[in-house]
Amino acid sequence: MSRLLDAYETAVSPSYRLFGLVDATVDTYTPDADRSNWLLSAFGMVYLQVPSQVTNSTVRLECWSSLPPERDANWFGREDVEVELPGGDLRIVTIDGGLEEIPLTLPSPGLYKMRWQWVFNGERGPFTSPLSWHTLQIPPGTEEELDGRDQYCLVQIWRIVADVKAG
């Protein structure tokens, strides 16, 4: 059974339609990734693309002992990604704001899986997709987490074991 090891919630002001999580031991940069996905990932980092209308987000980070349980919510989007965190020391990053220390403790450096889930505040829209430039259809619900912000994002993180290939 999976258990919650640590959690932290903070406000983030995305810049250039991005915010992300970066391991403090790697250089920060916007990864050269497939921009047709909401998540952009590279060694030691994951960025979320957001609509340009999003000026404030609440981000909740949760570290779990293993695959966390699904959280019932009417999420707008959800993506999972694997990322190597060589130092195990995460920072929130925005292009304008730089790195922000976060007091979230990961068990150790290594390979992690991250489940990113997010919803936008339909009362603060309309929002335009950074992927297609179309107006987004925002599902109702989760207003309690939004608390007046443009976006709420839940990031669940858990350690995984890398596949070992026989040579």
Protein backbone atom coordinates (compact mmCIF):
# COMPACT_ATOMS: atom_id res chain seq x y z
CA MET A 1 0.00 0.00 0.00
CA SER A 2 1.30 3.40 -0.99
CA ARG A 3 1.68 6.09 1.63
CA LEU A 4 2.16 9.83 1.42
CA LEU A 5 5.72 10.67 2.50
CA ASP A 6 5.69 14.45 2.12
CA ALA A 7 3.60 17.25 0.60
CA TYR A 8 4.00 20.92 -0.16
CA GLU A 9 1.68 23.50 -1.73
CA THR A 10 2.71 26.83 -3.19
CA ALA A 11 1.63 29.62 -5.50
CA VAL A 12 3.38 29.88 -8.87
CA SER A 13 3.31 32.65 -11.48
CA PRO A 14 4.04 30.97 -14.82
CA SER A 15 6.07 32.92 -17.35
CA TYR A 16 6.32 32.42 -21.09
CA ARG A 17 3.47 29.88 -20.73
CA LEU A 18 5.63 27.55 -18.58
CA PHE A 19 6.50 26.48 -15.08
CA GLY A 20 8.26 23.36 -13.95
CA LEU A 21 10.16 21.21 -11.52
CA VAL A 22 13.94 21.00 -11.84
CA ASP A 23 16.54 19.03 -9.92
CA ALA A 24 18.86 21.59 -8.30
CA THR A 25 21.94 19.72 -9.57
CA VAL A 26 21.18 20.28 -13.29
CA ASP A 27 21.30 23.43 -15.38
CA THR A 28 17.88 24.97 -15.89
CA TYR A 29 16.74 25.41 -19.43
CA THR A 30 13.59 24.85 -21.41
CA PRO A 31 13.92 21.29 -22.67
CA ASP A 32 14.02 20.66 -26.39
CA ALA A 33 10.96 18.45 -26.21
CA ASP A 34 7.90 17.60 -28.25
CA ARG A 35 5.75 20.71 -27.84
CA SER A 36 2.63 18.80 -28.88
CA ASN A 37 2.39 17.52 -25.28
CA TRP A 38 1.45 19.53 -22.21
CA LEU A 39 4.53 18.21 -20.36
CA LEU A 40 8.05 18.94 -21.59
CA SER A 41 10.66 16.74 -19.97
CA ALA A 42 14.38 16.15 -20.09
CA PHE A 43 17.06 14.86 -17.73
CA GLY A 44 16.37 16.36 -14.29
CA MET A 45 13.37 18.49 -15.27
CA VAL A 46 9.69 18.60 -16.22
CA TYR A 47 7.85 21.70 -17.43
CA LEU A 48 4.09 22.16 -17.86
CA GLN A 49 2.86 24.32 -20.73
CA VAL A 50 -0.05 26.53 -19.68
CA PRO A 51 -2.35 28.96 -21.47
CA SER A 52 -0.96 32.50 -21.68
CA GLN A 53 -4.00 33.68 -19.68
CA VAL A 54 -2.79 31.75 -16.60
CA THR A 55 -1.06 34.27 -14.35
CA ASN A 56 -1.36 32.42 -11.05
CA SER A 57 -1.44 28.73 -10.18
CA THR A 58 -1.62 26.71 -7.03
CA VAL A 59 0.72 23.72 -7.23
CA ARG A 60 0.50 20.84 -4.77
CA LEU A 61 3.47 18.47 -4.77
CA GLU A 62 3.15 15.06 -3.15
CA CYS A 63 5.90 12.48 -2.66
CA TRP A 64 4.62 8.89 -2.33
CA SER A 65 6.25 5.60 -1.33
CA SER A 66 4.91 3.93 -4.51
CA LEU A 67 2.15 4.40 -7.10
CA PRO A 68 -0.33 6.77 -5.40
CA PRO A 69 -4.08 6.20 -5.40
CA GLU A 70 -6.13 8.04 -8.01
CA ARG A 71 -7.65 11.25 -6.73
CA ASP A 72 -11.25 11.82 -7.75
CA ALA A 73 -11.55 15.19 -9.44
CA ASN A 74 -12.79 16.61 -12.68
CA TRP A 75 -9.29 17.22 -14.10
CA PHE A 76 -8.85 19.11 -17.34
CA GLY A 77 -5.58 17.34 -18.11
CA ARG A 78 -3.37 14.54 -16.90
CA GLU A 79 0.02 13.28 -18.07
CA ASP A 80 2.55 10.89 -16.55
CA VAL A 81 6.27 11.14 -17.16
CA GLU A 82 9.44 9.40 -15.97
CA VAL A 83 12.37 11.62 -15.07
CA GLU A 84 15.84 11.03 -13.66
CA LEU A 85 16.50 13.26 -10.64
CA PRO A 86 20.27 12.95 -10.07
CA GLY A 87 20.35 15.00 -6.87
CA GLY A 88 16.82 14.40 -5.58
CA ASP A 89 16.58 18.09 -4.64
CA LEU A 90 13.64 19.69 -6.46
CA ARG A 91 13.03 23.36 -7.21
CA ILE A 92 10.07 25.07 -8.85
CA VAL A 93 11.23 27.12 -11.82
CA THR A 94 9.77 29.84 -14.00
CA ILE A 95 11.66 31.70 -16.71
CA ASP A 96 11.09 35.12 -15.13
CA GLY A 97 11.29 34.01 -11.49
CA GLY A 98 14.15 31.54 -11.63
CA LEU A 99 14.46 28.75 -9.06
CA GLU A 100 12.38 28.60 -5.90
CA GLU A 101 13.41 26.25 -3.11
CA ILE A 102 10.71 23.88 -1.95
CA PRO A 103 10.76 21.90 1.29
CA LEU A 104 9.64 18.63 -0.33
CA THR A 105 11.77 15.67 0.64
CA LEU A 106 12.37 12.89 -1.87
CA PRO A 107 13.65 9.54 -0.53
CA SER A 108 16.81 9.56 -2.68
CA PRO A 109 18.20 10.57 -6.06
CA GLY A 110 17.16 8.35 -8.95
CA LEU A 111 14.38 7.57 -11.40
CA TYR A 112 10.94 8.91 -10.56
CA LYS A 113 7.50 8.82 -12.08
CA MET A 114 5.44 12.01 -11.93
CA ARG A 115 1.68 12.23 -12.43
CA TRP A 116 0.70 15.80 -13.34
CA GLN A 117 -3.01 16.68 -13.14
CA TRP A 118 -4.47 20.14 -13.62
CA VAL A 119 -7.67 22.11 -13.94
CA PHE A 120 -8.40 25.69 -14.96
CA ASN A 121 -10.82 28.13 -13.36
CA GLY A 122 -13.71 28.43 -15.82
CA GLU A 123 -14.79 31.69 -14.16
CA ARG A 124 -11.39 33.27 -14.94
CA GLY A 125 -11.24 32.19 -18.61
CA PRO A 126 -11.52 31.81 -21.47
CA PHE A 127 -8.21 29.99 -21.81
CA THR A 128 -6.40 29.27 -25.06
CA SER A 129 -4.50 26.00 -25.48
CA PRO A 130 -0.72 26.42 -25.84
CA LEU A 131 -0.82 23.30 -28.03
CA SER A 132 -3.49 24.15 -30.60
CA TRP A 133 -4.38 27.82 -29.97
CA HIS A 134 -8.05 26.85 -29.64
CA THR A 135 -10.26 27.97 -26.76
CA LEU A 136 -10.33 25.28 -24.07
CA GLN A 137 -13.57 23.74 -22.84
CA ILE A 138 -13.21 23.77 -19.04
CA PRO A 139 -15.06 21.04 -17.08
CA PRO A 140 -16.96 22.17 -13.96
CA GLY A 141 -15.80 21.16 -10.47
CA THR A 142 -12.75 21.40 -8.17
CA GLU A 143 -13.53 25.03 -7.34
CA GLU A 144 -12.42 24.46 -3.74
CA GLU A 145 -8.84 23.81 -4.86
CA LEU A 146 -8.78 26.77 -7.25
CA ASP A 147 -9.45 29.29 -4.45
CA GLY A 148 -9.68 32.17 -6.93
CA ARG A 149 -6.58 31.19 -8.90
CA ASP A 150 -6.44 30.55 -12.65
CA GLN A 151 -5.15 26.98 -12.29
CA TYR A 152 -4.72 24.19 -9.76
CA CYS A 153 -2.05 21.55 -10.43
CA LEU A 154 -1.41 18.34 -8.48
CA VAL A 155 1.95 16.65 -9.02
CA GLN A 156 2.34 13.20 -7.46
CA ILE A 157 5.89 11.83 -7.42
CA TRP A 158 7.13 8.33 -6.59
CA ARG A 159 10.40 6.44 -6.95
CA ILE A 160 10.59 3.67 -9.55
CA VAL A 161 13.25 1.12 -10.41
CA ALA A 162 14.88 1.42 -13.81
CA ASP A 163 14.54 -1.55 -16.14
CA VAL A 164 17.80 -3.46 -16.27
CA LYS A 165 18.51 -4.93 -19.70
CA ALA A 166 20.53 -8.12 -19.86
CA GLY A 167 23.63 -7.60 -21.98
